[in-house]
Every structure is written in structure tokens, then in C-alpha cells.
Amino acid sequence: MSQLKKLQGEVKFNPSTFNNRFLAADVLAKQEKEQEEQQDPNQMKILNNVDIDGDVPLVMTDDLGIDMKNLFFKILELLADSRNPIPYIMDSSRRQFVFAVMIICIGGLLMFFSNLMISS
């Protein structure tokens, strides 16, 4: 315990210099970014959450609702044609993610309505 007390005694909080480390790290990050941009002006830049490969990250909430609607109607269309929708869903990671979110939302709504029916 004596070493722990020594360590605790050495640590002193100085509120005036607390943010200086974070500010210095931000300045260094900005300088490195500017240097990288100046070195390769022809290099493809990352724009609006699009990776260099052209893949869109899974979690983009602005398109999630639209993708859920499109996937839902496509699944209904495949089921109406008596075709299996699982290969269509498993075709891309984005569709898998949207399908999982859709199943979670439907499950949440079912639980909500179940609790409403039980309470009344």
C-alpha cells in the first residue's frame, strides 16, 4: 500500500494545463494531415464516409430508413414470386446489417404491443 500512496501523492491535478495535451495532439494531427495532402495531391481522398475502395460503412443513419424500406419491399417481391430471399439478403454486408436492424425494430414493436395488450 505504501507504493500506491506514493503514486497517489505524486499525481496532482492542474486544471489550467489539463487541456494542453489534447490541444497539442489536435494541432499535430492537423499538421500531419496538411503534410499528407501536400505530398500527394493526386491521391484519392476520402469523401463523405466513403472508403478508398468505394465501400460505404455499415452505419450511415441517413440512408438506413430508405434501405430498410427498399429491402422490405424487395423481400416481399421475392416471396410473392415464391423465391428464397435469403441469398439476396446475404449478398452484401450492408443488406445483412439492414435486415438485422429491421428484425430488431419489428421485435421491439411486437414487444411494445404485447406489453400494451397485457396492461389493458
Protein backbone atom coordinates (compact mmCIF):
# COMPACT_ATOMS: atom_id res chain seq x y z
CA MET A 1 0.00 0.00 0.00
CA SER A 2 2.88 2.39 0.56
CA GLN A 3 3.77 2.43 -3.13
CA LEU A 4 0.15 3.13 -4.00
CA LYS A 5 0.14 6.07 -1.61
CA LYS A 6 3.37 7.32 -3.17
CA LEU A 7 1.83 7.16 -6.63
CA GLN A 8 -1.30 8.91 -5.49
CA GLY A 9 0.73 11.56 -3.74
CA GLU A 10 2.74 12.30 -6.90
CA VAL A 11 -0.33 12.85 -9.07
CA LYS A 12 -1.52 16.44 -8.92
CA PHE A 13 -4.33 17.85 -10.97
CA ASN A 14 -3.69 21.22 -12.55
CA PRO A 15 -6.85 22.49 -14.28
CA SER A 16 -5.02 25.24 -16.15
CA THR A 17 -2.85 22.77 -18.10
CA PHE A 18 -5.35 19.92 -18.37
CA ASN A 19 -6.43 20.57 -21.95
CA ASN A 20 -2.98 21.46 -23.28
CA ARG A 21 -2.13 17.83 -24.09
CA PHE A 22 -5.33 17.44 -26.11
CA LEU A 23 -4.83 20.73 -27.92
CA ALA A 24 -1.26 19.80 -28.80
CA ALA A 25 -2.41 16.44 -30.16
CA ASP A 26 -5.05 18.18 -32.30
CA VAL A 27 -2.51 20.61 -33.70
CA LEU A 28 -0.13 17.76 -34.54
CA ALA A 29 -2.92 15.80 -36.23
CA LYS A 30 -3.87 18.82 -38.36
CA GLN A 31 -0.25 19.40 -39.35
CA GLU A 32 0.20 15.76 -40.35
CA LYS A 33 -3.00 15.86 -42.40
CA GLU A 34 -1.87 19.01 -44.21
CA GLN A 35 1.52 17.45 -44.95
CA GLU A 36 -0.11 14.32 -46.39
CA GLU A 37 -2.36 16.43 -48.61
CA GLN A 38 0.61 18.45 -49.87
CA GLN A 39 2.69 15.35 -50.63
CA ASP A 40 0.13 13.57 -52.84
CA PRO A 41 -2.29 15.99 -54.50
CA ASN A 42 -3.38 13.29 -56.98
CA GLN A 43 -4.16 10.76 -54.28
CA MET A 44 -7.81 9.81 -54.00
CA LYS A 45 -9.30 11.46 -50.93
CA ILE A 46 -11.88 10.06 -48.60
CA LEU A 47 -15.13 11.94 -49.13
CA ASN A 48 -18.28 11.75 -47.03
CA ASN A 49 -17.69 8.43 -45.26
CA VAL A 50 -16.64 6.56 -48.40
CA ASP A 51 -13.54 4.41 -48.07
CA ILE A 52 -10.79 4.37 -50.69
CA ASP A 53 -12.20 1.09 -52.01
CA GLY A 54 -15.57 2.76 -52.57
CA ASP A 55 -17.28 0.82 -49.80
CA VAL A 56 -19.78 2.69 -47.69
CA PRO A 57 -19.55 1.99 -43.95
CA LEU A 58 -22.35 -0.04 -42.45
CA VAL A 59 -23.67 2.56 -40.07
CA MET A 60 -24.91 5.52 -42.06
CA THR A 61 -28.14 6.56 -40.40
CA ASP A 62 -29.27 8.91 -43.16
CA ASP A 63 -29.83 6.03 -45.60
CA LEU A 64 -30.80 3.34 -43.11
CA GLY A 65 -34.54 4.01 -43.23
CA ILE A 66 -34.57 4.12 -47.01
CA ASP A 67 -32.54 0.92 -47.22
CA MET A 68 -34.90 -0.79 -44.76
CA LYS A 69 -37.91 0.20 -46.89
CA ASN A 70 -36.25 -0.97 -50.11
CA LEU A 71 -35.16 -4.27 -48.56
CA PHE A 72 -38.61 -4.90 -47.08
CA PHE A 73 -40.36 -4.42 -50.42
CA LYS A 74 -37.73 -6.48 -52.26
CA ILE A 75 -38.22 -9.34 -49.77
CA LEU A 76 -41.99 -9.11 -50.27
CA GLU A 77 -41.48 -9.18 -54.04
CA LEU A 78 -39.25 -12.26 -53.82
CA LEU A 79 -41.74 -14.03 -51.54
CA ALA A 80 -44.60 -13.20 -53.93
CA ASP A 81 -42.62 -14.88 -56.73
CA SER A 82 -42.10 -17.95 -54.45
CA ARG A 83 -38.34 -17.37 -54.38
CA ASN A 84 -35.99 -17.61 -51.43
CA PRO A 85 -34.96 -14.10 -50.16
CA ILE A 86 -32.02 -15.36 -48.06
CA PRO A 87 -29.42 -15.31 -50.92
CA TYR A 88 -30.47 -11.73 -51.72
CA ILE A 89 -30.09 -10.68 -48.08
CA MET A 90 -26.73 -12.41 -47.64
CA ASP A 91 -25.34 -10.92 -50.86
CA SER A 92 -23.77 -7.88 -49.16
CA SER A 93 -22.83 -6.85 -45.65
CA ARG A 94 -24.98 -3.72 -45.93
CA ARG A 95 -28.11 -5.80 -46.64
CA GLN A 96 -27.28 -8.10 -43.73
CA PHE A 97 -26.94 -5.10 -41.43
CA VAL A 98 -30.18 -3.52 -42.65
CA PHE A 99 -32.02 -6.84 -42.29
CA ALA A 100 -30.73 -7.25 -38.71
CA VAL A 101 -31.84 -3.72 -37.80
CA MET A 102 -35.23 -4.38 -39.40
CA ILE A 103 -35.68 -7.61 -37.40
CA ILE A 104 -34.70 -5.80 -34.18
CA CYS A 105 -37.20 -2.99 -34.90
CA ILE A 106 -40.00 -5.47 -35.66
CA GLY A 107 -39.19 -7.40 -32.47
CA GLY A 108 -39.22 -4.19 -30.44
CA LEU A 109 -42.60 -3.21 -31.87
CA LEU A 110 -44.01 -6.67 -31.10
CA MET A 111 -42.78 -6.43 -27.50
CA PHE A 112 -44.26 -2.95 -27.18
CA PHE A 113 -47.68 -4.06 -28.46
CA SER A 114 -47.55 -7.19 -26.32
CA ASN A 115 -46.97 -5.08 -23.21
CA LEU A 116 -49.81 -2.76 -24.22
CA MET A 117 -52.18 -5.69 -24.62
CA ILE A 118 -51.20 -7.23 -21.31
CA SER A 119 -51.56 -3.97 -19.38
CA SER A 120 -55.04 -3.19 -20.72
